[in-house]
Amino acid sequence: MSPKNLILGILLGSALAAGIFVATKITTPAEPQSAFIIPISSAMPEFSLLDQTGAAVTADTFRGQWDLVFFGFTNCPDICPTTLQTLASAKREFAAAGAETLPRIVLVSVDPERDTPELLGQYVDYFGDDNLAVTGQLEEVTKLTKALGIYFEKAPTDDGNYGVNHSATVLVIDPKGEFMALFSAPHLVADYLHDLPIIMDSQ
């Protein structure tokens, strides 16, 4: 092969390789950077709780929309309000960008002894409209937390009161009512803005 043809062959080969590389980059689907996708999504368990209006909340309540579910309580000093504010900020950003589908923010109380439906309703209203608050009998809350891998436990304080230690993860429930992804702390708005559209487009 002549030097001229050899050089031409190298150039053509390089161009072909570059084209394949670019095509691969373009067609490779984006992946979540922070969220963990559950390998096999699981259905919500059977339970019976109440929302902030006193209406029944069951597994069916989590079908028909995307839900971001956080387990916390109204007396939580820092993690709960900070996490809910992060979710609210992310939701506002999606709305401002013209997103057709907005996730619903759900707070399930791990302190049902103190968190009445009315109190929870006032609390979640601080973080925007159309949020869902869930409370009820401790036994029913426990059915939900055990099935979803959420930890919580009363923690007595020096003043004779108590706090509640609990998991700080945010669960993603798809419109089929299945637990299919989660976000771990620390929660950042940018992580939700990047990962949620990818997760939601995967369905």
Protein backbone atom coordinates (compact mmCIF):
# COMPACT_ATOMS: atom_id res chain seq x y z
CA MET A 1 0.00 0.00 0.00
CA SER A 2 1.37 3.44 -0.91
CA PRO A 3 2.07 5.97 1.85
CA LYS A 4 -0.73 8.14 0.43
CA ASN A 5 -3.27 5.33 0.61
CA LEU A 6 -2.03 4.34 4.07
CA ILE A 7 -2.57 7.85 5.39
CA LEU A 8 -6.00 8.00 3.76
CA GLY A 9 -6.93 4.69 5.36
CA ILE A 10 -5.85 5.90 8.79
CA LEU A 11 -7.86 9.10 8.43
CA LEU A 12 -10.96 7.24 7.30
CA GLY A 13 -10.59 4.77 10.15
CA SER A 14 -10.21 7.56 12.66
CA ALA A 15 -13.26 9.36 11.29
CA LEU A 16 -15.32 6.17 11.47
CA ALA A 17 -14.22 5.51 15.06
CA ALA A 18 -15.03 9.09 16.04
CA GLY A 19 -18.45 8.80 14.43
CA ILE A 20 -19.20 5.61 16.32
CA PHE A 21 -18.07 7.24 19.56
CA VAL A 22 -20.26 10.32 19.02
CA ALA A 23 -23.26 8.20 18.06
CA THR A 24 -22.77 6.11 21.18
CA LYS A 25 -22.61 9.21 23.37
CA ILE A 26 -25.77 10.59 21.79
CA THR A 27 -27.82 7.41 22.00
CA THR A 28 -26.67 6.24 25.45
CA PRO A 29 -29.53 7.08 27.84
CA ALA A 30 -28.77 9.31 30.80
CA GLU A 31 -28.63 7.65 34.20
CA PRO A 32 -29.46 9.00 37.66
CA GLN A 33 -26.46 10.41 39.49
CA SER A 34 -27.76 10.30 43.05
CA ALA A 35 -30.94 8.25 43.16
CA PHE A 36 -30.79 4.50 43.69
CA ILE A 37 -33.06 2.53 41.40
CA ILE A 38 -34.63 -0.51 43.06
CA PRO A 39 -33.73 -3.57 40.91
CA ILE A 40 -37.20 -5.04 41.36
CA SER A 41 -39.85 -2.48 42.29
CA SER A 42 -42.27 -3.52 45.03
CA ALA A 43 -45.95 -2.78 45.57
CA MET A 44 -47.09 -0.84 48.61
CA PRO A 45 -48.31 -3.07 51.45
CA GLU A 46 -51.87 -3.16 52.70
CA PHE A 47 -52.46 -0.52 55.39
CA SER A 48 -55.11 1.93 56.55
CA LEU A 49 -54.19 5.49 57.54
CA LEU A 50 -55.65 9.02 57.30
CA ASP A 51 -54.75 12.13 55.35
CA GLN A 52 -54.89 15.73 56.62
CA THR A 53 -58.62 15.92 55.90
CA GLY A 54 -59.41 12.70 57.76
CA ALA A 55 -59.96 10.74 54.53
CA ALA A 56 -58.71 7.18 54.28
CA VAL A 57 -55.22 6.54 52.89
CA THR A 58 -54.48 3.08 51.53
CA ALA A 59 -52.16 1.56 48.94
CA ASP A 60 -54.59 2.81 46.27
CA THR A 61 -53.84 6.40 47.30
CA PHE A 62 -50.37 6.00 45.82
CA ARG A 63 -51.59 5.00 42.36
CA GLY A 64 -52.11 7.42 39.50
CA GLN A 65 -49.29 9.90 40.12
CA TRP A 66 -45.62 10.14 41.01
CA ASP A 67 -45.01 10.51 44.75
CA LEU A 68 -41.98 11.63 46.72
CA VAL A 69 -42.53 10.08 50.14
CA PHE A 70 -40.70 11.22 53.26
CA PHE A 71 -41.19 9.82 56.76
CA GLY A 72 -40.86 12.47 59.46
CA PHE A 73 -42.77 14.43 62.11
CA THR A 74 -43.82 17.99 62.83
CA ASN A 75 -41.64 18.40 65.94
CA CYS A 76 -38.51 17.46 64.00
CA PRO A 77 -36.01 20.29 64.55
CA ASP A 78 -33.99 20.18 61.34
CA ILE A 79 -33.91 17.19 58.97
CA CYS A 80 -37.65 17.12 58.24
CA PRO A 81 -38.26 20.79 57.40
CA THR A 82 -34.99 20.98 55.46
CA THR A 83 -35.82 17.91 53.39
CA LEU A 84 -39.38 19.04 52.68
CA GLN A 85 -38.11 22.48 51.67
CA THR A 86 -35.69 20.83 49.25
CA LEU A 87 -38.51 18.82 47.68
CA ALA A 88 -40.70 21.92 47.48
CA SER A 89 -37.93 23.91 45.81
CA ALA A 90 -37.32 21.16 43.27
CA LYS A 91 -41.05 20.97 42.51
CA ARG A 92 -41.19 24.76 41.96
CA GLU A 93 -38.23 24.52 39.59
CA PHE A 94 -40.00 21.79 37.58
CA ALA A 95 -43.15 23.89 37.41
CA ALA A 96 -41.22 26.98 36.31
CA ALA A 97 -39.59 24.94 33.57
CA GLY A 98 -43.01 23.92 32.27
CA ALA A 99 -42.89 20.27 33.33
CA GLU A 100 -46.12 18.50 32.38
CA THR A 101 -45.95 16.08 35.30
CA LEU A 102 -45.14 17.23 38.83
CA PRO A 103 -44.51 14.78 41.67
CA ARG A 104 -46.64 14.95 44.78
CA ILE A 105 -44.84 15.52 48.08
CA VAL A 106 -46.00 13.12 50.80
CA LEU A 107 -45.14 13.31 54.50
CA VAL A 108 -45.92 10.20 56.54
CA SER A 109 -45.72 10.87 60.27
CA VAL A 110 -43.55 8.63 62.41
CA ASP A 111 -45.02 10.40 65.45
CA PRO A 112 -48.75 9.69 65.05
CA GLU A 113 -49.22 10.10 68.80
CA ARG A 114 -48.77 13.86 68.44
CA ASP A 115 -49.28 14.45 64.72
CA THR A 116 -53.02 14.78 64.22
CA PRO A 117 -54.40 15.16 60.69
CA GLU A 118 -55.10 18.85 61.32
CA LEU A 119 -51.60 19.57 62.61
CA LEU A 120 -49.99 17.70 59.75
CA GLY A 121 -52.16 19.55 57.25
CA GLN A 122 -51.01 22.92 58.55
CA TYR A 123 -47.41 21.72 58.49
CA VAL A 124 -47.30 20.43 54.90
CA ASP A 125 -49.04 23.59 53.67
CA TYR A 126 -45.87 25.48 54.50
CA PHE A 127 -44.18 23.58 51.69
CA GLY A 128 -46.59 24.33 48.88
CA ASP A 129 -49.93 23.20 47.52
CA ASP A 130 -51.29 19.72 46.83
CA ASN A 131 -49.04 17.98 49.36
CA LEU A 132 -50.29 14.87 51.12
CA ALA A 133 -49.90 14.33 54.88
CA VAL A 134 -50.46 10.88 56.37
CA THR A 135 -50.96 9.75 59.96
CA GLY A 136 -53.03 7.25 61.93
CA GLN A 137 -52.58 4.32 64.26
CA LEU A 138 -48.98 3.43 65.11
CA GLU A 139 -49.58 -0.18 64.12
CA GLU A 140 -50.66 0.89 60.64
CA VAL A 141 -47.71 3.25 60.24
CA THR A 142 -45.41 0.39 61.21
CA LYS A 143 -46.91 -1.84 58.50
CA LEU A 144 -45.83 0.75 55.96
CA THR A 145 -42.39 1.49 57.36
CA LYS A 146 -41.41 -2.17 57.73
CA ALA A 147 -42.44 -2.99 54.18
CA LEU A 148 -40.47 -0.03 52.79
CA GLY A 149 -37.37 -0.41 54.95
CA ILE A 150 -37.88 2.77 56.97
CA TYR A 151 -36.49 2.92 60.50
CA PHE A 152 -37.98 5.02 63.30
CA GLU A 153 -37.80 4.91 67.10
CA LYS A 154 -38.78 7.16 69.98
CA ALA A 155 -35.85 8.91 71.63
CA PRO A 156 -36.53 10.30 75.16
CA THR A 157 -35.13 13.77 75.85
CA ASP A 158 -33.77 15.28 79.08
CA ASP A 159 -36.88 17.41 79.59
CA GLY A 160 -39.11 14.34 79.82
CA ASN A 161 -40.38 14.74 76.26
CA TYR A 162 -39.22 12.75 73.26
CA GLY A 163 -37.98 13.03 69.72
CA VAL A 164 -38.07 10.42 66.99
CA ASN A 165 -35.01 9.01 65.29
CA HIS A 166 -35.86 8.01 61.74
CA SER A 167 -34.56 7.30 58.27
CA ALA A 168 -33.95 10.37 56.15
CA THR A 169 -34.48 8.82 52.72
CA VAL A 170 -37.04 10.01 50.19
CA LEU A 171 -38.86 7.22 48.38
CA VAL A 172 -40.06 7.49 44.79
CA ILE A 173 -43.41 5.76 44.18
CA ASP A 174 -44.44 5.39 40.54
CA PRO A 175 -48.00 5.76 39.15
CA LYS A 176 -48.52 2.02 39.52
CA GLY A 177 -48.12 2.46 43.26
CA GLU A 178 -44.75 0.72 43.33
CA PHE A 179 -41.64 1.73 45.27
CA MET A 180 -39.02 1.99 42.53
CA ALA A 181 -36.26 4.42 43.61
CA LEU A 182 -34.93 6.37 46.57
CA PHE A 183 -32.83 9.41 47.35
CA SER A 184 -30.52 9.31 50.37
CA ALA A 185 -29.41 12.29 52.47
CA PRO A 186 -28.00 14.83 52.01
CA HIS A 187 -30.82 16.04 49.80
CA LEU A 188 -29.93 18.61 47.14
CA VAL A 189 -32.30 20.34 44.73
CA ALA A 190 -29.86 19.78 41.86
CA ASP A 191 -29.98 16.00 42.40
CA TYR A 192 -33.76 15.95 42.05
CA LEU A 193 -33.69 18.23 39.02
CA HIS A 194 -31.25 15.90 37.27
CA ASP A 195 -32.51 12.48 38.35
CA LEU A 196 -36.29 12.74 38.60
CA PRO A 197 -36.94 13.42 34.89
CA ILE A 198 -34.77 10.41 34.03
CA ILE A 199 -36.64 8.22 36.51
CA MET A 200 -40.05 9.42 35.39
CA ASP A 201 -39.21 9.05 31.69
CA SER A 202 -38.20 5.45 32.29
CA GLN A 203 -41.82 4.41 32.85
